[in-house]
Amino acid sequence: MGMRKGRILVTGGCGYIGSHTIVDLIDNGYEVVAVDNLSNADESALAGVAKITGRQVRNHVIDLAEREPTLRLFREEQLTGVIHFAALKAVGESVQQPLRYFYNNINSLLNVMAGMAETGVNNLIFSSSCSVYGNTTDLPVTETTPRQAAESPYARTKQMGEDILQDYCRVHPAFKTVLLRYFNPAGAHPSSLIGEASANPASNLVPVITETAMGKRSEMTVFGDTYATRDGSCIRDYIHVMDLAHAHTLALDFLLANRQQSNCELFNLGIGEGVSVLEAIRAFEQVTGQRLNYRIGPARPGDVEAIYANYDKAAAELGWQPTYDITDIMRSAWAWQQVR
């Protein structure tokens, strides 16, 4: 089968959001090639992708923070666009290892941009994060909500990535980028063939919940119950990973059809509802009938009190609508955890 809609490089393609996005891209007529250094993932995700889609996606095992191998990759592959997921993403770890986070996340972006510039690839979708908003009190956040100081080096790398791309777009009118600010991705593909499977211990709430219920952890800690929220625990906007994946396909369609107002567009991707940590635990218990062994611990440095999205812009301009809620997220995450 030849190039249909185009050939897309997915960086971090063996990772959680990357692998689910590859499925959605293939389902929507794109050809995909992956790059992943396997520092926090393994290629079994692509075996799952092949089972779901019937297509083998090739992965280049390259560290994008290294310039030469990255440029070589761009020269080898004829690309239409890039979706750049590859980054270190553990908030707490970034507080402990700021240099490693800056080195990896910024260099990989710069090298991808260099590869694109050299080979004339002009369409980039960048993974940003709601963490760029910092500890905002302006809720729900919209794309025009001012960014606050980053609460962690991880969040700062996302702010810096956005700034780098905005500065670059000003002087390169042919280059087009969409910055997608994710809220909290969770859940798994309905087939249970792929899901959230980081190589390093999970720090995200949903896999911590499912691992605790499976007995892989003896208990889980709720970090803080004295926040100024309805039940004292942090509030987040959980978005099903397949809804998030589909937004990337729609963002590519949007760029390739030249529907954007400017060459640097920004969209929030959340479902517009806040769910507290304690409410998420209750949703899990209701869906699965499992009792969860949790205790309340101290608040964690780097954590924002409450954040959830207004996604009207993505709805209006990308035609995106979330289709799953917190119960679907818990149901699919639990099904995936049981077959892992």
Protein backbone atom coordinates (compact mmCIF):
# COMPACT_ATOMS: atom_id res chain seq x y z
CA MET A 1 0.00 0.00 0.00
CA GLY A 2 1.53 3.36 -0.98
CA MET A 3 1.49 6.65 0.83
CA ARG A 4 -2.07 7.52 1.50
CA LYS A 5 -2.50 10.62 3.61
CA GLY A 6 1.24 10.84 4.25
CA ARG A 7 4.07 9.34 6.23
CA ILE A 8 4.34 10.44 9.85
CA LEU A 9 7.27 10.06 12.23
CA VAL A 10 6.03 9.37 15.75
CA THR A 11 8.80 10.04 18.29
CA GLY A 12 8.36 8.08 21.52
CA GLY A 13 6.28 5.71 19.40
CA CYS A 14 6.67 2.76 21.80
CA GLY A 15 5.43 4.87 24.70
CA TYR A 16 1.97 5.11 26.16
CA ILE A 17 0.42 7.96 24.19
CA GLY A 18 2.65 7.32 21.17
CA SER A 19 1.51 3.72 20.66
CA HIS A 20 -2.20 4.58 21.00
CA THR A 21 -1.77 7.50 18.59
CA ILE A 22 -0.08 5.21 16.04
CA VAL A 23 -3.22 3.01 16.09
CA ASP A 24 -5.46 6.04 15.49
CA LEU A 25 -3.21 7.37 12.69
CA ILE A 26 -3.21 4.01 10.89
CA ASP A 27 -6.98 3.67 11.36
CA ASN A 28 -7.32 7.08 9.68
CA GLY A 29 -5.15 6.40 6.64
CA TYR A 30 -1.67 7.59 7.67
CA GLU A 31 1.51 5.60 7.24
CA VAL A 32 3.68 5.62 10.37
CA VAL A 33 7.32 5.16 11.31
CA ALA A 34 8.41 5.24 14.96
CA VAL A 35 11.52 6.33 16.81
CA ASP A 36 12.06 5.41 20.46
CA ASN A 37 15.26 4.91 22.46
CA LEU A 38 13.39 2.43 24.72
CA SER A 39 14.50 4.20 27.91
CA ASN A 40 10.95 3.99 29.31
CA ALA A 41 9.18 1.62 26.90
CA ASP A 42 9.72 -1.50 24.86
CA GLU A 43 8.82 -2.64 21.37
CA SER A 44 6.07 -4.99 22.59
CA ALA A 45 3.75 -1.95 22.23
CA LEU A 46 4.33 -2.11 18.46
CA ALA A 47 3.47 -5.83 18.48
CA GLY A 48 0.16 -4.79 20.06
CA VAL A 49 -0.27 -2.10 17.38
CA ALA A 50 0.31 -4.76 14.69
CA LYS A 51 -2.34 -7.04 16.22
CA ILE A 52 -4.88 -4.20 16.34
CA THR A 53 -4.18 -2.66 12.91
CA GLY A 54 -2.60 -5.47 10.88
CA ARG A 55 0.41 -3.24 10.21
CA GLN A 56 4.01 -3.64 11.36
CA VAL A 57 5.43 -0.26 12.31
CA ARG A 58 9.20 0.02 12.14
CA ASN A 59 10.95 1.52 15.18
CA HIS A 60 14.33 3.26 14.90
CA VAL A 61 16.19 2.82 18.21
CA ILE A 62 17.78 6.27 18.32
CA ASP A 63 18.38 8.80 21.09
CA LEU A 64 16.97 12.01 19.66
CA ALA A 65 19.14 14.02 22.07
CA GLU A 66 22.04 12.99 19.78
CA ARG A 67 22.15 15.19 16.68
CA GLU A 68 23.87 12.99 14.05
CA PRO A 69 21.71 9.86 14.34
CA THR A 70 18.62 12.08 14.39
CA LEU A 71 19.62 13.91 11.19
CA ARG A 72 20.42 10.55 9.56
CA LEU A 73 16.94 9.29 10.41
CA PHE A 74 15.36 12.31 8.69
CA ARG A 75 17.50 11.78 5.58
CA GLU A 76 16.48 8.09 5.43
CA GLU A 77 12.71 8.55 5.78
CA GLN A 78 10.49 10.53 3.43
CA LEU A 79 8.20 12.27 5.90
CA THR A 80 5.07 14.39 5.69
CA GLY A 81 5.04 15.37 9.35
CA VAL A 82 6.22 14.60 12.87
CA ILE A 83 4.38 14.01 16.14
CA HIS A 84 6.89 14.64 18.90
CA PHE A 85 6.09 12.71 22.09
CA ALA A 86 9.60 11.64 23.09
CA ALA A 87 10.45 13.15 26.48
CA LEU A 88 11.15 12.24 30.08
CA LYS A 89 7.92 12.89 31.95
CA ALA A 90 8.02 12.05 35.67
CA VAL A 91 7.36 15.27 37.60
CA GLY A 92 8.96 14.11 40.88
CA GLU A 93 12.03 12.71 39.15
CA SER A 94 12.50 16.00 37.27
CA VAL A 95 12.69 17.84 40.60
CA GLN A 96 15.56 15.49 41.59
CA GLN A 97 17.29 15.40 38.18
CA PRO A 98 16.71 18.77 36.51
CA LEU A 99 19.79 18.65 34.25
CA ARG A 100 18.85 15.27 32.83
CA TYR A 101 15.37 16.59 32.01
CA PHE A 102 16.63 19.78 30.35
CA TYR A 103 19.30 17.90 28.41
CA ASN A 104 16.95 15.22 27.11
CA ASN A 105 13.72 17.13 26.50
CA ILE A 106 15.22 20.26 24.95
CA ASN A 107 17.93 18.61 22.84
CA SER A 108 15.51 16.06 21.41
CA LEU A 109 13.17 18.86 20.30
CA LEU A 110 16.01 20.93 18.80
CA ASN A 111 17.39 17.93 16.92
CA VAL A 112 13.96 16.98 15.55
CA MET A 113 13.51 20.57 14.37
CA ALA A 114 16.97 20.48 12.75
CA GLY A 115 16.08 17.25 10.95
CA MET A 116 12.81 18.75 9.75
CA ALA A 117 14.54 21.93 8.54
CA GLU A 118 17.20 20.00 6.64
CA THR A 119 14.71 17.74 4.86
CA GLY A 120 11.92 20.28 4.28
CA VAL A 121 9.35 18.67 6.60
CA ASN A 122 7.04 21.45 7.80
CA ASN A 123 4.32 19.87 9.93
CA LEU A 124 4.93 19.26 13.65
CA ILE A 125 2.55 18.27 16.44
CA PHE A 126 4.21 18.94 19.82
CA SER A 127 3.22 17.24 23.09
CA SER A 128 2.85 19.95 25.65
CA SER A 129 1.15 19.65 28.99
CA CYS A 130 -1.34 21.35 31.26
CA SER A 131 1.62 21.64 33.65
CA VAL A 132 2.63 24.76 31.66
CA TYR A 133 -0.23 26.59 33.40
CA GLY A 134 1.44 26.11 36.79
CA ASN A 135 -0.66 26.64 39.90
CA THR A 136 -3.35 28.64 38.13
CA THR A 137 -6.50 29.78 39.93
CA ASP A 138 -8.20 30.55 36.62
CA LEU A 139 -10.46 27.47 36.15
CA PRO A 140 -11.31 25.92 33.81
CA VAL A 141 -8.18 26.92 31.90
CA THR A 142 -8.47 28.10 28.32
CA GLU A 143 -5.69 28.55 25.77
CA THR A 144 -5.51 32.23 26.73
CA THR A 145 -5.07 31.52 30.46
CA PRO A 146 -1.65 33.00 31.30
CA ARG A 147 1.06 30.48 32.07
CA GLN A 148 2.30 30.66 35.65
CA ALA A 149 5.77 29.77 36.92
CA ALA A 150 6.48 26.09 36.29
CA GLU A 151 6.06 23.89 39.38
CA SER A 152 8.74 21.42 38.21
CA PRO A 153 11.67 21.16 35.79
CA TYR A 154 9.51 18.80 33.69
CA ALA A 155 6.86 21.52 33.33
CA ARG A 156 9.57 24.06 32.53
CA THR A 157 10.84 21.88 29.66
CA LYS A 158 7.31 21.97 28.21
CA GLN A 159 7.13 25.76 28.60
CA MET A 160 10.56 26.06 26.96
CA GLY A 161 9.50 23.73 24.12
CA GLU A 162 6.47 25.91 23.43
CA ASP A 163 8.61 29.08 23.50
CA ILE A 164 11.22 27.59 21.15
CA LEU A 165 8.53 26.63 18.65
CA GLN A 166 6.75 30.00 18.88
CA ASP A 167 10.02 31.88 18.29
CA TYR A 168 10.88 29.61 15.36
CA CYS A 169 7.43 29.97 13.76
CA ARG A 170 7.76 33.77 13.74
CA VAL A 171 10.68 33.63 11.33
CA HIS A 172 9.77 30.46 9.39
CA PRO A 173 6.32 31.09 7.90
CA ALA A 174 6.33 27.78 5.95
CA PHE A 175 6.79 25.78 9.17
CA LYS A 176 3.51 24.85 10.89
CA THR A 177 3.07 23.48 14.38
CA VAL A 178 0.25 22.58 16.73
CA LEU A 179 1.01 22.60 20.46
CA LEU A 180 -1.30 20.20 22.30
CA ARG A 181 -1.59 20.77 26.03
CA TYR A 182 -2.62 17.42 27.50
CA PHE A 183 -4.40 17.15 30.78
CA ASN A 184 -4.16 13.68 32.42
CA PRO A 185 -4.12 10.82 29.92
CA ALA A 186 -5.31 7.48 31.29
CA GLY A 187 -6.98 4.23 30.29
CA ALA A 188 -6.11 1.74 27.56
CA HIS A 189 -7.12 0.63 24.07
CA PRO A 190 -10.46 -1.27 24.21
CA SER A 191 -8.73 -4.41 22.86
CA SER A 192 -6.46 -4.52 25.97
CA LEU A 193 -3.58 -5.20 23.53
CA ILE A 194 -1.83 -1.94 24.46
CA GLY A 195 -1.99 0.27 27.53
CA GLU A 196 0.16 2.23 29.96
CA ALA A 197 3.32 0.11 30.35
CA SER A 198 6.24 2.31 31.32
CA ALA A 199 9.50 0.47 32.07
CA ASN A 200 10.00 2.59 35.18
CA PRO A 201 7.65 2.36 38.18
CA ALA A 202 4.37 4.13 37.42
CA SER A 203 3.84 7.49 39.06
CA ASN A 204 0.52 8.36 37.36
CA LEU A 205 -2.59 7.86 39.45
CA VAL A 206 -4.51 5.36 37.34
CA PRO A 207 -1.75 2.71 36.92
CA VAL A 208 -0.88 3.15 40.61
CA ILE A 209 -4.53 2.36 41.43
CA THR A 210 -4.66 -0.71 39.15
CA GLU A 211 -1.29 -2.03 40.36
CA THR A 212 -2.45 -1.69 43.97
CA ALA A 213 -5.68 -3.54 43.19
CA MET A 214 -3.67 -6.33 41.48
CA GLY A 215 -1.46 -6.67 44.58
CA LYS A 216 1.66 -5.43 42.76
CA ARG A 217 1.77 -2.72 45.43
CA SER A 218 0.72 -3.40 49.01
CA GLU A 219 -0.94 0.01 49.29
CA MET A 220 -1.12 3.37 47.57
CA THR A 221 -0.66 6.83 48.98
CA VAL A 222 -2.97 9.76 48.33
CA PHE A 223 -0.59 12.71 48.35
CA GLY A 224 -2.34 15.29 50.53
CA ASP A 225 -5.94 15.71 51.69
CA THR A 226 -5.81 19.29 52.91
CA TYR A 227 -5.90 21.10 49.56
CA ALA A 228 -8.62 23.73 49.14
CA THR A 229 -10.75 21.34 47.04
CA ARG A 230 -14.13 19.68 47.67
CA ASP A 231 -12.60 16.66 49.43
CA GLY A 232 -9.09 17.97 50.16
CA SER A 233 -7.34 15.88 47.46
CA CYS A 234 -5.88 17.22 44.18
CA ILE A 235 -8.21 17.66 41.21
CA ARG A 236 -7.19 16.62 37.69
CA ASP A 237 -8.82 16.30 34.29
CA TYR A 238 -8.52 12.66 33.17
CA ILE A 239 -8.71 12.14 29.42
CA HIS A 240 -8.96 8.69 27.85
CA VAL A 241 -5.83 7.92 25.86
CA MET A 242 -7.84 7.03 22.73
CA ASP A 243 -9.63 10.39 22.81
CA LEU A 244 -6.21 12.01 23.17
CA ALA A 245 -4.77 9.88 20.35
CA HIS A 246 -7.58 10.90 17.99
CA ALA A 247 -6.88 14.58 18.67
CA HIS A 248 -3.39 14.10 17.17
CA THR A 249 -4.84 12.67 13.97
CA LEU A 250 -7.30 15.57 13.78
CA ALA A 251 -4.47 18.07 14.44
CA LEU A 252 -2.48 16.58 11.54
CA ASP A 253 -5.52 16.70 9.26
CA PHE A 254 -5.95 20.35 10.31
CA LEU A 255 -2.34 21.27 9.44
CA LEU A 256 -2.27 19.33 6.16
CA ALA A 257 -5.53 21.00 5.06
CA ASN A 258 -4.06 24.43 5.97
CA ARG A 259 -7.00 25.29 8.19
CA GLN A 260 -4.88 26.98 10.86
CA GLN A 261 -5.11 30.75 11.53
CA SER A 262 -1.43 31.05 12.40
CA ASN A 263 1.54 28.72 11.88
CA CYS A 264 1.71 28.07 15.63
CA GLU A 265 -1.61 26.90 17.08
CA LEU A 266 -2.42 25.85 20.63
CA PHE A 267 -5.12 23.51 21.94
CA ASN A 268 -6.08 22.21 25.36
CA LEU A 269 -6.96 18.52 25.44
CA GLY A 270 -8.96 17.56 28.49
CA ILE A 271 -12.57 16.53 28.94
CA GLY A 272 -13.40 19.67 30.87
CA GLU A 273 -14.20 18.01 34.15
CA GLY A 274 -12.19 17.80 37.27
CA VAL A 275 -12.01 14.55 39.20
CA SER A 276 -10.33 14.46 42.62
CA VAL A 277 -7.91 11.70 43.60
CA LEU A 278 -10.44 10.33 46.10
CA GLU A 279 -13.24 10.47 43.50
CA ALA A 280 -11.02 8.59 41.03
CA ILE A 281 -10.42 5.88 43.65
CA ARG A 282 -14.18 5.64 44.25
CA ALA A 283 -14.87 5.41 40.50
CA PHE A 284 -12.38 2.53 40.27
CA GLU A 285 -13.97 0.72 43.23
CA GLN A 286 -17.45 1.12 41.73
CA VAL A 287 -16.51 -0.09 38.25
CA THR A 288 -14.46 -3.09 39.37
CA GLY A 289 -15.96 -4.07 42.71
CA GLN A 290 -12.39 -4.06 44.10
CA ARG A 291 -11.60 -2.43 47.44
CA LEU A 292 -8.46 -0.35 47.26
CA ASN A 293 -5.90 -0.25 50.05
CA TYR A 294 -4.88 3.41 50.27
CA ARG A 295 -3.64 5.79 52.91
CA ILE A 296 -3.37 9.56 53.10
CA GLY A 297 0.19 10.85 52.96
CA PRO A 298 1.77 14.30 52.83
CA ALA A 299 1.40 16.55 49.79
CA ARG A 300 4.04 16.01 47.11
CA PRO A 301 6.36 18.81 45.93
CA GLY A 302 5.62 19.96 42.38
CA ASP A 303 1.93 19.02 42.52
CA VAL A 304 -0.66 21.61 41.40
CA GLU A 305 -3.82 21.80 43.55
CA ALA A 306 -6.51 21.69 40.86
CA ILE A 307 -6.53 21.92 37.08
CA TYR A 308 -9.08 21.07 34.39
CA ALA A 309 -9.68 22.21 30.84
CA ASN A 310 -12.01 24.14 28.67
CA TYR A 311 -11.74 22.33 25.30
CA ASP A 312 -14.09 24.54 23.22
CA LYS A 313 -11.29 25.55 20.85
CA ALA A 314 -10.38 21.95 19.97
CA ALA A 315 -14.08 21.20 19.48
CA ALA A 316 -14.60 24.18 17.18
CA GLU A 317 -11.38 24.07 15.13
CA LEU A 318 -10.35 20.40 15.15
CA GLY A 319 -13.84 18.91 15.40
CA TRP A 320 -12.69 16.98 18.47
CA GLN A 321 -15.06 15.59 21.10
CA PRO A 322 -14.08 13.32 23.98
CA THR A 323 -16.15 10.14 24.02
CA TYR A 324 -14.98 8.41 27.25
CA ASP A 325 -15.35 9.38 30.93
CA ILE A 326 -13.62 8.40 34.20
CA THR A 327 -15.59 5.13 34.48
CA ASP A 328 -14.52 4.09 30.94
CA ILE A 329 -10.95 5.03 31.83
CA MET A 330 -11.00 2.86 34.97
CA ARG A 331 -12.70 -0.05 33.20
CA SER A 332 -10.19 -0.13 30.31
CA ALA A 333 -7.16 0.44 32.58
CA TRP A 334 -8.27 -2.45 34.82
CA ALA A 335 -8.84 -4.79 31.83
CA TRP A 336 -5.35 -3.94 30.56
CA GLN A 337 -3.71 -4.42 33.97
CA GLN A 338 -5.24 -7.91 34.24
CA VAL A 339 -3.78 -9.17 30.93
CA ARG A 340 -0.34 -7.55 31.29
